Protein backbone atom coordinates (compact mmCIF):
# COMPACT_ATOMS: atom_id res chain seq x y z
CA MET A 1 4.47 -22.57 -39.72
CA THR A 2 2.71 -21.41 -36.54
CA ASP A 3 4.90 -21.97 -33.49
CA ALA A 4 4.16 -22.46 -29.80
CA TRP A 5 4.85 -18.82 -29.01
CA THR A 6 1.87 -17.65 -31.07
CA ARG A 7 -0.58 -20.25 -29.72
CA PRO A 8 -0.74 -19.79 -25.93
CA GLY A 9 -4.30 -21.07 -25.72
CA SER A 10 -3.33 -24.46 -27.10
CA GLN A 11 -0.83 -24.90 -24.26
CA LEU A 12 -3.32 -24.27 -21.45
CA ARG A 13 -4.60 -27.85 -21.64
CA HIS A 14 -1.32 -28.93 -20.03
CA VAL A 15 -1.93 -26.78 -16.94
CA ARG A 16 -3.41 -29.00 -14.20
CA PRO A 17 -2.85 -27.75 -10.64
CA ALA A 18 -1.64 -30.63 -8.47
CA PRO A 19 -3.43 -31.66 -5.22
CA LEU A 20 -0.47 -30.44 -3.13
CA PHE A 21 -0.69 -26.97 -4.68
CA LEU A 22 -4.45 -26.90 -4.11
CA ALA A 23 -3.85 -27.93 -0.49
CA LEU A 24 -1.52 -24.95 -0.05
CA VAL A 25 -4.23 -22.69 -1.48
CA LEU A 26 -6.80 -24.17 0.91
CA VAL A 27 -4.58 -23.57 3.98
CA PHE A 28 -3.85 -20.06 2.69
CA VAL A 29 -7.57 -19.27 2.44
CA ILE A 30 -8.55 -20.83 5.76
CA SER A 31 -5.73 -19.14 7.69
CA GLY A 32 -6.52 -15.86 5.95
CA VAL A 33 -10.19 -16.04 6.96
CA THR A 34 -9.18 -16.92 10.52
CA ALA A 35 -6.80 -13.97 10.70
CA TRP A 36 -9.36 -11.64 9.06
CA ARG A 37 -12.02 -12.49 11.65
CA GLY A 38 -9.61 -12.36 14.57
CA ASP A 39 -10.53 -15.91 15.57
CA GLY A 40 -8.34 -18.39 17.44
CA GLU A 41 -4.56 -18.11 17.71
CA GLN A 42 -3.74 -15.09 15.58
CA ARG A 43 0.01 -15.56 15.41
CA MET A 44 -0.33 -19.10 14.07
CA ALA A 45 -2.94 -17.92 11.56
CA VAL A 46 -0.59 -15.15 10.40
CA PHE A 47 2.28 -17.61 10.10
CA LEU A 48 0.26 -20.06 7.99
CA PHE A 49 -1.21 -17.29 5.84
CA VAL A 50 2.16 -15.72 5.01
CA MET A 51 4.09 -19.00 4.74
CA THR A 52 1.61 -20.75 2.45
CA GLY A 53 1.17 -17.55 0.48
CA TRP A 54 4.92 -17.37 -0.04
CA LEU A 55 5.11 -21.02 -1.10
CA ILE A 56 2.25 -20.45 -3.54
CA SER A 57 4.08 -17.47 -5.00
CA LEU A 58 7.20 -19.63 -5.42
CA CYS A 59 5.15 -22.20 -7.33
CA LEU A 60 3.71 -19.46 -9.54
CA HIS A 61 7.20 -18.02 -10.06
CA GLU A 62 8.57 -21.34 -11.31
CA PHE A 63 5.41 -22.11 -13.29
CA SER A 64 5.80 -18.80 -15.13
CA HIS A 65 9.32 -19.74 -16.21
CA ALA A 66 8.07 -23.11 -17.44
CA PHE A 67 4.97 -21.86 -19.25
CA THR A 68 6.91 -19.11 -21.00
CA ALA A 69 9.52 -21.69 -22.02
CA LEU A 70 6.75 -23.91 -23.39
CA ARG A 71 5.42 -21.07 -25.51
CA ALA A 72 8.94 -20.39 -26.72
CA GLY A 73 9.45 -23.98 -27.87
CA ASP A 74 10.64 -26.10 -24.92
CA THR A 75 7.96 -28.80 -24.78
CA SER A 76 10.08 -30.82 -22.32
CA VAL A 77 8.53 -28.86 -19.44
CA ILE A 78 5.29 -30.82 -19.97
CA GLY A 79 6.83 -34.21 -19.20
CA LYS A 80 8.77 -32.78 -16.26
CA GLY A 81 5.52 -31.79 -14.56
CA TYR A 82 6.40 -28.13 -14.20
CA LEU A 83 2.98 -27.02 -15.43
CA THR A 84 1.17 -28.74 -12.54
CA LEU A 85 2.46 -26.21 -9.95
CA ASP A 86 3.44 -29.23 -7.85
CA PRO A 87 6.47 -28.31 -5.68
CA ILE A 88 7.56 -31.94 -5.67
CA LYS A 89 7.92 -31.89 -9.46
CA TYR A 90 10.42 -29.06 -9.43
CA SER A 91 13.91 -30.35 -9.97
CA ASP A 92 15.54 -28.93 -6.85
CA PRO A 93 13.07 -28.54 -3.97
CA LEU A 94 15.96 -27.83 -1.58
CA PHE A 95 16.91 -24.58 -3.34
CA THR A 96 13.39 -23.75 -4.49
CA PHE A 97 11.41 -24.23 -1.31
CA ILE A 98 13.39 -25.34 1.75
CA ILE A 99 16.22 -22.78 1.63
CA PRO A 100 13.89 -19.89 0.62
CA ALA A 101 11.54 -20.82 3.47
CA VAL A 102 14.46 -20.82 5.94
CA PHE A 103 15.55 -17.37 4.72
CA VAL A 104 12.04 -16.00 5.22
CA LEU A 105 11.85 -17.54 8.68
CA MET A 106 15.27 -16.21 9.71
CA GLY A 107 15.17 -12.69 8.37
CA GLY A 108 12.17 -11.99 6.21
CA ILE A 109 14.35 -12.10 3.11
CA PRO A 110 12.53 -13.83 0.25
CA LEU A 111 14.97 -15.89 -1.78
CA SER A 112 13.61 -17.49 -4.95
CA GLY A 113 15.60 -20.45 -6.19
CA GLY A 114 15.70 -21.33 -9.86
CA ALA A 115 14.53 -24.92 -10.02
CA VAL A 116 13.04 -25.47 -13.44
CA TYR A 117 15.52 -26.93 -15.89
CA ILE A 118 14.82 -25.28 -19.22
CA GLU A 119 16.30 -26.81 -22.34
CA ARG A 120 17.59 -23.55 -23.75
CA GLY A 121 18.60 -25.18 -27.03
CA ARG A 122 14.93 -25.58 -27.88
CA ILE A 123 14.16 -21.92 -27.39
CA ARG A 124 14.37 -19.74 -30.45
CA GLY A 125 16.36 -16.55 -30.12
CA ARG A 126 17.83 -14.35 -27.44
CA VAL A 127 14.66 -12.35 -26.87
CA GLN A 128 12.66 -15.46 -26.00
CA ASN A 129 15.45 -16.68 -23.70
CA SER A 130 15.38 -13.35 -21.88
CA LEU A 131 11.59 -13.51 -21.57
CA VAL A 132 11.79 -16.99 -20.05
CA SER A 133 14.11 -15.64 -17.33
CA ALA A 134 12.02 -12.50 -16.83
CA ALA A 135 8.76 -14.41 -16.41
CA GLY A 136 9.51 -15.45 -12.82
CA PRO A 137 10.32 -12.06 -11.28
CA LEU A 138 7.55 -10.44 -13.33
CA THR A 139 5.17 -12.80 -11.54
CA ASN A 140 6.38 -11.37 -8.22
CA VAL A 141 5.95 -7.86 -9.63
CA ALA A 142 2.39 -8.71 -10.66
CA LEU A 143 1.59 -10.19 -7.23
CA ALA A 144 3.06 -7.10 -5.54
CA ALA A 145 0.98 -4.84 -7.80
CA VAL A 146 -2.23 -6.72 -6.95
CA CYS A 147 -1.47 -6.53 -3.22
CA ILE A 148 -0.62 -2.83 -3.43
CA THR A 149 -3.91 -2.20 -5.22
CA VAL A 150 -5.80 -4.03 -2.48
CA ILE A 151 -4.04 -2.05 0.25
CA ASN A 152 -4.73 1.29 -1.41
CA SER A 153 -8.35 0.40 -2.19
CA GLY A 154 -9.33 0.39 1.47
CA ALA A 155 -10.34 -3.27 1.28
CA LEU A 156 -8.46 -3.99 4.51
CA ASP A 157 -10.37 -1.43 6.57
CA ASN A 158 -12.70 -4.06 8.02
CA ALA A 159 -9.99 -6.65 8.62
CA SER A 160 -8.45 -7.39 11.98
CA ALA A 161 -5.13 -5.79 12.80
CA ALA A 162 -3.47 -9.21 12.54
CA PHE A 163 -4.69 -9.79 8.98
CA HIS A 164 -3.82 -6.23 7.95
CA ALA A 165 -0.28 -6.66 9.25
CA ALA A 166 0.08 -10.11 7.67
CA PHE A 167 -1.13 -8.87 4.28
CA VAL A 168 1.22 -5.88 4.30
CA PHE A 169 4.14 -8.12 5.31
CA PHE A 170 3.30 -10.53 2.48
CA THR A 171 3.19 -7.56 0.10
CA GLN A 172 6.59 -6.43 1.31
CA LEU A 173 7.97 -9.92 0.65
CA GLN A 174 6.76 -9.72 -2.95
CA ILE A 175 8.35 -6.29 -3.38
CA ILE A 176 11.67 -7.55 -1.99
CA ALA A 177 11.50 -10.67 -4.15
CA SER A 178 10.90 -8.51 -7.23
CA ILE A 179 13.93 -6.35 -6.44
CA LEU A 180 16.28 -9.23 -5.60
CA ASN A 181 15.31 -11.45 -8.52
CA LEU A 182 15.93 -8.65 -11.01
CA LEU A 183 19.48 -8.03 -9.78
CA PRO A 184 22.04 -8.97 -12.48
CA VAL A 185 23.74 -11.49 -10.20
CA PRO A 186 24.80 -14.85 -11.72
CA GLY A 187 22.33 -17.50 -10.69
CA LEU A 188 19.45 -15.05 -10.35
CA ASP A 189 16.81 -14.29 -12.95
CA GLY A 190 18.11 -10.78 -13.49
CA PHE A 191 21.33 -12.24 -14.82
CA GLY A 192 19.36 -14.75 -16.89
CA ILE A 193 17.65 -11.84 -18.64
CA ILE A 194 20.93 -10.34 -19.85
CA GLU A 195 22.89 -13.58 -20.20
CA PRO A 196 21.81 -14.34 -23.81
CA TRP A 197 23.32 -11.00 -24.84
CA LEU A 198 26.72 -11.61 -23.23
CA SER A 199 29.70 -13.12 -24.99
CA TYR A 200 30.21 -16.87 -24.89
CA ASP A 201 33.65 -16.52 -23.27
CA PHE A 202 32.28 -14.38 -20.45
CA ARG A 203 29.40 -16.76 -19.76
CA ARG A 204 31.75 -19.73 -19.74
CA ALA A 205 34.16 -18.01 -17.36
CA ILE A 206 31.56 -17.27 -14.68
CA ALA A 207 29.51 -20.48 -15.06
CA PRO A 208 31.37 -22.41 -12.29
CA TYR A 209 30.62 -19.65 -9.77
CA ALA A 210 26.99 -18.96 -10.68
CA PRO A 211 25.45 -21.46 -8.20
CA PHE A 212 27.23 -19.79 -5.27
CA ALA A 213 26.64 -16.13 -6.13
CA PRO A 214 23.03 -15.96 -4.83
CA LEU A 215 24.01 -17.55 -1.51
CA LEU A 216 26.88 -15.07 -1.18
CA LEU A 217 24.47 -12.21 -1.90
CA PHE A 218 21.98 -13.35 0.70
CA GLY A 219 24.76 -14.02 3.17
CA LEU A 220 25.86 -10.40 2.77
CA LEU A 221 22.29 -9.28 3.40
CA PHE A 222 22.51 -10.77 6.88
CA THR A 223 25.44 -8.53 7.83
CA PRO A 224 24.02 -5.68 9.96
CA GLU A 225 25.35 -2.74 7.92
CA ILE A 226 24.25 -4.09 4.54
CA ASN A 227 20.97 -5.37 5.98
CA ASN A 228 20.12 -1.96 7.43
CA TRP A 229 21.03 -0.18 4.20
CA PHE A 230 19.02 -2.61 2.08
CA PHE A 231 15.87 -2.49 4.20
CA ASP A 232 16.06 1.32 4.35
CA ARG A 233 15.84 1.24 0.54
CA VAL A 234 13.02 -1.31 0.71
CA ASP A 235 11.12 0.91 3.16
CA SER A 236 11.49 3.83 0.76
CA VAL A 237 10.01 1.78 -2.08
CA CYS A 238 7.19 0.54 0.15
CA GLU A 239 6.34 4.04 1.33
CA ALA A 240 6.25 5.25 -2.27
CA PHE A 241 3.40 2.75 -2.87
CA ASN A 242 1.69 3.44 0.47
CA VAL A 243 2.77 0.08 1.89
CA SER A 244 3.45 0.88 5.54
CA PRO A 245 6.81 -0.43 6.84
CA ALA A 246 5.33 -0.24 10.35
CA TRP A 247 2.49 -2.60 9.43
CA ALA A 248 4.98 -4.88 7.65
CA SER A 249 7.18 -4.93 10.77
CA LEU A 250 4.18 -5.88 12.90
CA GLY A 251 3.31 -8.60 10.40
CA TYR A 252 6.82 -10.02 10.62
CA HIS A 253 6.64 -9.94 14.42
CA LEU A 254 3.35 -11.87 14.39
CA PHE A 255 4.72 -14.23 11.75
CA GLN A 256 7.52 -15.27 14.13
CA PHE A 257 5.07 -16.97 16.50
CA TRP A 258 7.87 -18.91 18.20
CA LYS A 259 9.42 -15.76 19.67
């Protein structure tokens, strides 16, 4: 019998972007055009461009988990509305959107919260379970790759300095999100990738602490020594892909329009 995993095309009919998601895309485009042209209040345009872009990437991150789960056999994601990319439909908007937004505002640290409840019992096999967890961070990797390609293509040569800085900062956020989400920390997607391969006793023992581990990690990232060490590593990765840390720093400065 042919299963959902081998028929991705048949599942696309369930994908219907919600009006709220389309509104985010519209603001993203308008603020991007404003920043590109150098019109109006540039710092507000940069803020809206980066913030809506980040929220869009969060929607895509969660959608990727859900769509991969659907292909692997969990049809419950259809009724839950996860395939509409509507942030309201996600089961925990506090941890998926509000807290991540606050972290970006406070320190430019992109936290992605896992907010799609996958019925793992419906998914066949450990490989598929790992792929469901990997789908989210791989979306950030793909977005980072697209942005890096744009930067290295020279497409930003005619843009204003504000847009250039905003785009590089957004790219840096995707790179950081890719790194953080792939860490094997309980509660993060990186742990979800390896979790199906761990013993039942070990998974049961750490389950009560999993919800707090990501917050502890990000709390540590706000300590000066660890923060400096981490962003030195991030800068090294960015420089390896010709993503200028100086432009990213300027983008973050413009993003914080209230300062």
